[in-house]
Amino acid sequence: MPIRRLAARDPERAGRLFATLLGRRGFTWQLDGEALLRAHKPGYFSSPRLPACTPVTAVIAELDHDLEQEHVQDHGHDAEQRV
């Protein structure tokens, strides 16, 4: 997905870059980009893509915030220190 997003910003430039990287003079992102991705990342295309983020209701967000605060109180550090 990151390659696709970057290429969407400037498909001509992406085409020149991949033509150089691949040593394929006639490569253009508009014509060949999708096939390139499908050839090298078949697993990505074999199943439907799920949303990258999940919207939550205000109630769930509040519960999450409350749980986070309990964690901070119990462990003495903020959430950014957790991994």
PDB file of N, CA and C in Angstrom:
ATOM      1  N   MET A   1       0.804  -1.197   0.000  1.00  0.00           N
ATOM      2  CA  MET A   1       0.000   0.000   0.000  1.00  0.00           C
ATOM      3  C   MET A   1       0.857   1.275   0.000  1.00  0.00           C
ATOM      4  N   PRO A   2       1.958   1.324   0.747  1.00  0.00           N
ATOM      5  CA  PRO A   2       2.769   2.549   0.717  1.00  0.00           C
ATOM      6  C   PRO A   2       3.306   2.865  -0.678  1.00  0.00           C
ATOM      7  N   ILE A   3       3.727   1.836  -1.409  1.00  0.00           N
ATOM      8  CA  ILE A   3       4.242   2.075  -2.769  1.00  0.00           C
ATOM      9  C   ILE A   3       3.129   2.621  -3.646  1.00  0.00           C
ATOM     10  N   ARG A   4       1.957   2.042  -3.536  1.00  0.00           N
ATOM     11  CA  ARG A   4       0.817   2.490  -4.334  1.00  0.00           C
ATOM     12  C   ARG A   4       0.471   3.951  -4.013  1.00  0.00           C
ATOM     13  N   ARG A   5       0.485   4.311  -2.738  1.00  0.00           N
ATOM     14  CA  ARG A   5       0.173   5.693  -2.344  1.00  0.00           C
ATOM     15  C   ARG A   5       1.222   6.675  -2.853  1.00  0.00           C
ATOM     16  N   LEU A   6       2.475   6.311  -2.725  1.00  0.00           N
ATOM     17  CA  LEU A   6       3.543   7.196  -3.214  1.00  0.00           C
ATOM     18  C   LEU A   6       3.469   7.360  -4.724  1.00  0.00           C
ATOM     19  N   ALA A   7       3.227   6.276  -5.426  1.00  0.00           N
ATOM     20  CA  ALA A   7       3.150   6.335  -6.884  1.00  0.00           C
ATOM     21  C   ALA A   7       1.950   7.155  -7.339  1.00  0.00           C
ATOM     22  N   ALA A   8       0.861   7.141  -6.574  1.00  0.00           N
ATOM     23  CA  ALA A   8      -0.332   7.905  -6.944  1.00  0.00           C
ATOM     24  C   ALA A   8      -0.067   9.412  -6.926  1.00  0.00           C
ATOM     25  N   ARG A   9       0.883   9.842  -6.111  1.00  0.00           N
ATOM     26  CA  ARG A   9       1.211  11.273  -6.044  1.00  0.00           C
ATOM     27  C   ARG A   9       1.828  11.779  -7.338  1.00  0.00           C
ATOM     28  N   ASP A  10       2.663  10.945  -7.951  1.00  0.00           N
ATOM     29  CA  ASP A  10       3.344  11.345  -9.186  1.00  0.00           C
ATOM     30  C   ASP A  10       3.646  10.091 -10.007  1.00  0.00           C
ATOM     31  N   PRO A  11       2.645   9.582 -10.729  1.00  0.00           N
ATOM     32  CA  PRO A  11       2.819   8.319 -11.462  1.00  0.00           C
ATOM     33  C   PRO A  11       3.939   8.352 -12.492  1.00  0.00           C
ATOM     34  N   GLU A  12       4.145   9.474 -13.147  1.00  0.00           N
ATOM     35  CA  GLU A  12       5.223   9.542 -14.149  1.00  0.00           C
ATOM     36  C   GLU A  12       6.587   9.394 -13.493  1.00  0.00           C
ATOM     37  N   ARG A  13       6.787  10.053 -12.393  1.00  0.00           N
ATOM     38  CA  ARG A  13       8.058   9.955 -11.677  1.00  0.00           C
ATOM     39  C   ARG A  13       8.254   8.541 -11.134  1.00  0.00           C
ATOM     40  N   ALA A  14       7.176   7.954 -10.597  1.00  0.00           N
ATOM     41  CA  ALA A  14       7.261   6.568 -10.110  1.00  0.00           C
ATOM     42  C   ALA A  14       7.627   5.629 -11.249  1.00  0.00           C
ATOM     43  N   GLY A  15       7.052   5.861 -12.420  1.00  0.00           N
ATOM     44  CA  GLY A  15       7.374   5.033 -13.573  1.00  0.00           C
ATOM     45  C   GLY A  15       8.841   5.123 -13.951  1.00  0.00           C
ATOM     46  N   ARG A  16       9.381   6.334 -13.953  1.00  0.00           N
ATOM     47  CA  ARG A  16      10.814   6.506 -14.269  1.00  0.00           C
ATOM     48  C   ARG A  16      11.688   5.831 -13.220  1.00  0.00           C
ATOM     49  N   LEU A  17      11.309   5.962 -11.957  1.00  0.00           N
ATOM     50  CA  LEU A  17      12.082   5.341 -10.885  1.00  0.00           C
ATOM     51  C   LEU A  17      12.099   3.823 -11.030  1.00  0.00           C
ATOM     52  N   PHE A  18      10.921   3.222 -11.216  1.00  0.00           N
ATOM     53  CA  PHE A  18      10.866   1.766 -11.338  1.00  0.00           C
ATOM     54  C   PHE A  18      11.495   1.283 -12.630  1.00  0.00           C
ATOM     55  N   ALA A  19      11.397   2.055 -13.685  1.00  0.00           N
ATOM     56  CA  ALA A  19      12.073   1.681 -14.939  1.00  0.00           C
ATOM     57  C   ALA A  19      13.569   1.583 -14.707  1.00  0.00           C
ATOM     58  N   THR A  20      14.109   2.530 -13.972  1.00  0.00           N
ATOM     59  CA  THR A  20      15.542   2.526 -13.663  1.00  0.00           C
ATOM     60  C   THR A  20      15.888   1.367 -12.735  1.00  0.00           C
ATOM     61  N   LEU A  21      15.119   1.207 -11.656  1.00  0.00           N
ATOM     62  CA  LEU A  21      15.405   0.148 -10.685  1.00  0.00           C
ATOM     63  C   LEU A  21      15.318  -1.246 -11.294  1.00  0.00           C
ATOM     64  N   LEU A  22      14.341  -1.424 -12.175  1.00  0.00           N
ATOM     65  CA  LEU A  22      14.117  -2.739 -12.770  1.00  0.00           C
ATOM     66  C   LEU A  22      14.898  -2.967 -14.059  1.00  0.00           C
ATOM     67  N   GLY A  23      15.481  -1.902 -14.594  1.00  0.00           N
ATOM     68  CA  GLY A  23      16.188  -2.018 -15.860  1.00  0.00           C
ATOM     69  C   GLY A  23      15.243  -2.284 -17.021  1.00  0.00           C
ATOM     70  N   ARG A  24      14.029  -1.755 -16.940  1.00  0.00           N
ATOM     71  CA  ARG A  24      13.013  -1.948 -17.982  1.00  0.00           C
ATOM     72  C   ARG A  24      12.674  -0.592 -18.579  1.00  0.00           C
ATOM     73  N   ARG A  25      13.266  -0.293 -19.705  1.00  0.00           N
ATOM     74  CA  ARG A  25      13.131   1.032 -20.327  1.00  0.00           C
ATOM     75  C   ARG A  25      11.691   1.425 -20.627  1.00  0.00           C
ATOM     76  N   GLY A  26      10.850   0.508 -21.001  1.00  0.00           N
ATOM     77  CA  GLY A  26       9.486   0.830 -21.377  1.00  0.00           C
ATOM     78  C   GLY A  26       8.493   0.826 -20.221  1.00  0.00           C
ATOM     79  N   PHE A  27       8.956   0.632 -18.991  1.00  0.00           N
ATOM     80  CA  PHE A  27       8.060   0.543 -17.844  1.00  0.00           C
ATOM     81  C   PHE A  27       7.405   1.886 -17.561  1.00  0.00           C
ATOM     82  N   THR A  28       6.092   1.871 -17.381  1.00  0.00           N
ATOM     83  CA  THR A  28       5.377   3.050 -16.889  1.00  0.00           C
ATOM     84  C   THR A  28       4.493   2.588 -15.737  1.00  0.00           C
ATOM     85  N   TRP A  29       4.359   3.429 -14.743  1.00  0.00           N
ATOM     86  CA  TRP A  29       3.548   3.053 -13.591  1.00  0.00           C
ATOM     87  C   TRP A  29       2.087   2.862 -13.996  1.00  0.00           C
ATOM     88  N   GLN A  30       1.602   3.756 -14.847  1.00  0.00           N
ATOM     89  CA  GLN A  30       0.203   3.700 -15.252  1.00  0.00           C
ATOM     90  C   GLN A  30      -0.143   2.373 -15.927  1.00  0.00           C
ATOM     91  N   LEU A  31       0.754   1.846 -16.738  1.00  0.00           N
ATOM     92  CA  LEU A  31       0.484   0.605 -17.469  1.00  0.00           C
ATOM     93  C   LEU A  31       1.001  -0.642 -16.762  1.00  0.00           C
ATOM     94  N   ASP A  32       2.094  -0.537 -16.045  1.00  0.00           N
ATOM     95  CA  ASP A  32       2.768  -1.717 -15.518  1.00  0.00           C
ATOM     96  C   ASP A  32       2.801  -1.827 -13.991  1.00  0.00           C
ATOM     97  N   GLY A  33       2.429  -0.773 -13.294  1.00  0.00           N
ATOM     98  CA  GLY A  33       2.537  -0.763 -11.836  1.00  0.00           C
ATOM     99  C   GLY A  33       1.706  -1.829 -11.153  1.00  0.00           C
ATOM    100  N   GLU A  34       0.448  -1.950 -11.556  1.00  0.00           N
ATOM    101  CA  GLU A  34      -0.435  -2.946 -10.942  1.00  0.00           C
ATOM    102  C   GLU A  34       0.112  -4.357 -11.144  1.00  0.00           C
ATOM    103  N   ALA A  35       0.567  -4.682 -12.336  1.00  0.00           N
ATOM    104  CA  ALA A  35       1.119  -6.013 -12.616  1.00  0.00           C
ATOM    105  C   ALA A  35       2.374  -6.268 -11.782  1.00  0.00           C
ATOM    106  N   LEU A  36       3.187  -5.251 -11.618  1.00  0.00           N
ATOM    107  CA  LEU A  36       4.392  -5.381 -10.800  1.00  0.00           C
ATOM    108  C   LEU A  36       4.022  -5.728  -9.360  1.00  0.00           C
ATOM    109  N   LEU A  37       3.065  -4.984  -8.798  1.00  0.00           N
ATOM    110  CA  LEU A  37       2.642  -5.255  -7.427  1.00  0.00           C
ATOM    111  C   LEU A  37       2.038  -6.649  -7.293  1.00  0.00           C
ATOM    112  N   ARG A  38       1.202  -7.029  -8.252  1.00  0.00           N
ATOM    113  CA  ARG A  38       0.577  -8.353  -8.194  1.00  0.00           C
ATOM    114  C   ARG A  38       1.604  -9.478  -8.309  1.00  0.00           C
ATOM    115  N   ALA A  39       2.650  -9.259  -9.083  1.00  0.00           N
ATOM    116  CA  ALA A  39       3.680 -10.290  -9.255  1.00  0.00           C
ATOM    117  C   ALA A  39       4.513 -10.472  -7.986  1.00  0.00           C
ATOM    118  N   HIS A  40       4.771  -9.383  -7.277  1.00  0.00           N
ATOM    119  CA  HIS A  40       5.657  -9.459  -6.119  1.00  0.00           C
ATOM    120  C   HIS A  40       4.936  -9.536  -4.783  1.00  0.00           C
ATOM    121  N   LYS A  41       3.647  -9.229  -4.750  1.00  0.00           N
ATOM    122  CA  LYS A  41       2.864  -9.286  -3.513  1.00  0.00           C
ATOM    123  C   LYS A  41       1.534  -9.993  -3.748  1.00  0.00           C
ATOM    124  N   PRO A  42       1.552 -11.227  -4.230  1.00  0.00           N
ATOM    125  CA  PRO A  42       0.281 -11.894  -4.548  1.00  0.00           C
ATOM    126  C   PRO A  42      -0.617 -12.074  -3.322  1.00  0.00           C
ATOM    127  N   GLY A  43      -0.029 -12.246  -2.155  1.00  0.00           N
ATOM    128  CA  GLY A  43      -0.817 -12.422  -0.938  1.00  0.00           C
ATOM    129  C   GLY A  43      -1.669 -11.207  -0.609  1.00  0.00           C
ATOM    130  N   TYR A  44      -1.168 -10.055  -0.939  1.00  0.00           N
ATOM    131  CA  TYR A  44      -1.911  -8.816  -0.678  1.00  0.00           C
ATOM    132  C   TYR A  44      -3.201  -8.793  -1.492  1.00  0.00           C
ATOM    133  N   PHE A  45      -3.149  -9.337  -2.689  1.00  0.00           N
ATOM    134  CA  PHE A  45      -4.301  -9.295  -3.587  1.00  0.00           C
ATOM    135  C   PHE A  45      -5.203 -10.516  -3.465  1.00  0.00           C
ATOM    136  N   SER A  46      -4.804 -11.521  -2.704  1.00  0.00           N
ATOM    137  CA  SER A  46      -5.581 -12.756  -2.630  1.00  0.00           C
ATOM    138  C   SER A  46      -6.768 -12.680  -1.677  1.00  0.00           C
ATOM    139  N   SER A  47      -6.811 -11.674  -0.827  1.00  0.00           N
ATOM    140  CA  SER A  47      -7.940 -11.528   0.094  1.00  0.00           C
ATOM    141  C   SER A  47      -8.368 -10.067   0.149  1.00  0.00           C
ATOM    142  N   PRO A  48      -9.611  -9.844   0.543  1.00  0.00           N
ATOM    143  CA  PRO A  48     -10.073  -8.451   0.605  1.00  0.00           C
ATOM    144  C   PRO A  48      -9.314  -7.658   1.657  1.00  0.00           C
ATOM    145  N   ARG A  49      -9.073  -6.412   1.372  1.00  0.00           N
ATOM    146  CA  ARG A  49      -8.379  -5.536   2.312  1.00  0.00           C
ATOM    147  C   ARG A  49      -9.363  -5.004   3.338  1.00  0.00           C
ATOM    148  N   LEU A  50      -8.985  -5.051   4.583  1.00  0.00           N
ATOM    149  CA  LEU A  50      -9.798  -4.510   5.655  1.00  0.00           C
ATOM    150  C   LEU A  50      -9.381  -3.068   5.910  1.00  0.00           C
ATOM    151  N   PRO A  51     -10.256  -2.272   6.484  1.00  0.00           N
ATOM    152  CA  PRO A  51      -9.880  -0.887   6.780  1.00  0.00           C
ATOM    153  C   PRO A  51      -8.660  -0.836   7.695  1.00  0.00           C
ATOM    154  N   ALA A  52      -7.824   0.168   7.490  1.00  0.00           N
ATOM    155  CA  ALA A  52      -6.623   0.325   8.304  1.00  0.00           C
ATOM    156  C   ALA A  52      -6.947   0.856   9.694  1.00  0.00           C
ATOM    157  N   CYS A  53      -8.102   1.451   9.855  1.00  0.00           N
ATOM    158  CA  CYS A  53      -8.510   1.947  11.163  1.00  0.00           C
ATOM    159  C   CYS A  53      -9.979   1.589  11.377  1.00  0.00           C
ATOM    160  N   THR A  54     -10.354   1.517  12.626  1.00  0.00           N
ATOM    161  CA  THR A  54     -11.721   1.154  12.949  1.00  0.00           C
ATOM    162  C   THR A  54     -12.368   2.291  13.716  1.00  0.00           C
ATOM    163  N   PRO A  55     -13.449   2.835  13.204  1.00  0.00           N
ATOM    164  CA  PRO A  55     -14.125   3.900  13.941  1.00  0.00           C
ATOM    165  C   PRO A  55     -14.764   3.339  15.206  1.00  0.00           C
ATOM    166  N   VAL A  56     -14.749   4.127  16.262  1.00  0.00           N
ATOM    167  CA  VAL A  56     -15.358   3.708  17.520  1.00  0.00           C
ATOM    168  C   VAL A  56     -16.369   4.755  17.967  1.00  0.00           C
ATOM    169  N   THR A  57     -17.290   4.305  18.767  1.00  0.00           N
ATOM    170  CA  THR A  57     -18.276   5.237  19.309  1.00  0.00           C
ATOM    171  C   THR A  57     -17.654   6.016  20.459  1.00  0.00           C
ATOM    172  N   ALA A  58     -18.320   7.074  20.864  1.00  0.00           N
ATOM    173  CA  ALA A  58     -17.844   7.889  21.987  1.00  0.00           C
ATOM    174  C   ALA A  58     -17.776   7.061  23.269  1.00  0.00           C
ATOM    175  N   VAL A  59     -18.714   6.138  23.448  1.00  0.00           N
ATOM    176  CA  VAL A  59     -18.735   5.297  24.648  1.00  0.00           C
ATOM    177  C   VAL A  59     -17.479   4.419  24.699  1.00  0.00           C
ATOM    178  N   ILE A  60     -17.134   3.800  23.584  1.00  0.00           N
ATOM    179  CA  ILE A  60     -15.938   2.949  23.551  1.00  0.00           C
ATOM    180  C   ILE A  60     -14.678   3.791  23.763  1.00  0.00           C
ATOM    181  N   ALA A  61     -14.619   4.953  23.156  1.00  0.00           N
ATOM    182  CA  ALA A  61     -13.462   5.833  23.336  1.00  0.00           C
ATOM    183  C   ALA A  61     -13.315   6.236  24.798  1.00  0.00           C
ATOM    184  N   GLU A  62     -14.427   6.520  25.448  1.00  0.00           N
ATOM    185  CA  GLU A  62     -14.380   6.902  26.870  1.00  0.00           C
ATOM    186  C   GLU A  62     -13.920   5.734  27.734  1.00  0.00           C
ATOM    187  N   LEU A  63     -14.426   4.536  27.439  1.00  0.00           N
ATOM    188  CA  LEU A  63     -13.983   3.357  28.182  1.00  0.00           C
ATOM    189  C   LEU A  63     -12.494   3.112  28.000  1.00  0.00           C
ATOM    190  N   ASP A  64     -12.012   3.269  26.776  1.00  0.00           N
ATOM    191  CA  ASP A  64     -10.591   3.102  26.510  1.00  0.00           C
ATOM    192  C   ASP A  64      -9.772   4.115  27.296  1.00  0.00           C
ATOM    193  N   HIS A  65     -10.239   5.348  27.325  1.00  0.00           N
ATOM    194  CA  HIS A  65      -9.547   6.406  28.073  1.00  0.00           C
ATOM    195  C   HIS A  65      -9.520   6.066  29.557  1.00  0.00           C
ATOM    196  N   ASP A  66     -10.652   5.602  30.100  1.00  0.00           N
ATOM    197  CA  ASP A  66     -10.714   5.245  31.512  1.00  0.00           C
ATOM    198  C   ASP A  66      -9.758   4.098  31.833  1.00  0.00           C
ATOM    199  N   LEU A  67      -9.713   3.088  30.965  1.00  0.00           N
ATOM    200  CA  LEU A  67      -8.792   1.970  31.175  1.00  0.00           C
ATOM    201  C   LEU A  67      -7.341   2.437  31.128  1.00  0.00           C
ATOM    202  N   GLU A  68      -7.060   3.357  30.226  1.00  0.00           N
ATOM    203  CA  GLU A  68      -5.698   3.902  30.109  1.00  0.00           C
ATOM    204  C   GLU A  68      -5.305   4.624  31.395  1.00  0.00           C
ATOM    205  N   GLN A  69      -6.226   5.390  31.933  1.00  0.00           N
ATOM    206  CA  GLN A  69      -5.941   6.115  33.171  1.00  0.00           C
ATOM    207  C   GLN A  69      -5.716   5.154  34.332  1.00  0.00           C
ATOM    208  N   GLU A  70      -6.485   4.078  34.398  1.00  0.00           N
ATOM    209  CA  GLU A  70      -6.280   3.063  35.429  1.00  0.00           C
ATOM    210  C   GLU A  70      -4.898   2.437  35.290  1.00  0.00           C
ATOM    211  N   HIS A  71      -4.489   2.175  34.062  1.00  0.00           N
ATOM    212  CA  HIS A  71      -3.165   1.601  33.819  1.00  0.00           C
ATOM    213  C   HIS A  71      -2.071   2.540  34.315  1.00  0.00           C
ATOM    214  N   VAL A  72      -2.221   3.816  34.033  1.00  0.00           N
ATOM    215  CA  VAL A  72      -1.233   4.801  34.481  1.00  0.00           C
ATOM    216  C   VAL A  72      -1.165   4.826  35.997  1.00  0.00           C
ATOM    217  N   GLN A  73      -2.326   4.805  36.648  1.00  0.00           N
ATOM    218  CA  GLN A  73      -2.348   4.827  38.116  1.00  0.00           C
ATOM    219  C   GLN A  73      -1.722   3.557  38.696  1.00  0.00           C
ATOM    220  N   ASP A  74      -2.011   2.404  38.082  1.00  0.00           N
ATOM    221  CA  ASP A  74      -1.506   1.129  38.590  1.00  0.00           C
ATOM    222  C   ASP A  74      -0.014   0.944  38.364  1.00  0.00           C
ATOM    223  N   HIS A  75       0.495   1.493  37.251  1.00  0.00           N
ATOM    224  CA  HIS A  75       1.882   1.223  36.875  1.00  0.00           C
ATOM    225  C   HIS A  75       2.798   2.428  36.965  1.00  0.00           C
ATOM    226  N   GLY A  76       2.266   3.591  37.234  1.00  0.00           N
ATOM    227  CA  GLY A  76       3.087   4.769  37.473  1.00  0.00           C
ATOM    228  C   GLY A  76       3.788   5.358  36.267  1.00  0.00           C
ATOM    229  N   HIS A  77       3.298   5.115  35.063  1.00  0.00           N
ATOM    230  CA  HIS A  77       3.865   5.741  33.869  1.00  0.00           C
ATOM    231  C   HIS A  77       2.766   5.928  32.853  1.00  0.00           C
ATOM    232  N   ASP A  78       3.029   6.763  31.871  1.00  0.00           N
ATOM    233  CA  ASP A  78       1.986   7.039  30.874  1.00  0.00           C
ATOM    234  C   ASP A  78       1.993   6.006  29.760  1.00  0.00           C
ATOM    235  N   ALA A  79       0.963   6.064  28.942  1.00  0.00           N
ATOM    236  CA  ALA A  79       0.758   5.069  27.885  1.00  0.00           C
ATOM    237  C   ALA A  79       1.848   5.080  26.844  1.00  0.00           C
ATOM    238  N   GLU A  80       2.490   6.207  26.616  1.00  0.00           N
ATOM    239  CA  GLU A  80       3.514   6.292  25.572  1.00  0.00           C
ATOM    240  C   GLU A  80       4.731   5.441  25.913  1.00  0.00           C
ATOM    241  N   GLN A  81       4.895   5.098  27.174  1.00  0.00           N
ATOM    242  CA  GLN A  81       6.040   4.276  27.551  1.00  0.00           C
ATOM    243  C   GLN A  81       5.770   2.801  27.354  1.00  0.00           C
ATOM    244  N   ARG A  82       4.481   2.451  27.150  1.00  0.00           N
ATOM    245  CA  ARG A  82       4.145   1.038  26.934  1.00  0.00           C
ATOM    246  C   ARG A  82       4.456   0.655  25.505  1.00  0.00           C
ATOM    247  N   VAL A  83       4.821  -0.592  25.313  1.00  0.00           N
ATOM    248  CA  VAL A  83       5.050  -1.111  23.974  1.00  0.00           C
ATOM    249  C   VAL A  83       4.211  -2.336  23.784  1.00  0.00           C
TER     250      VAL A  83
END
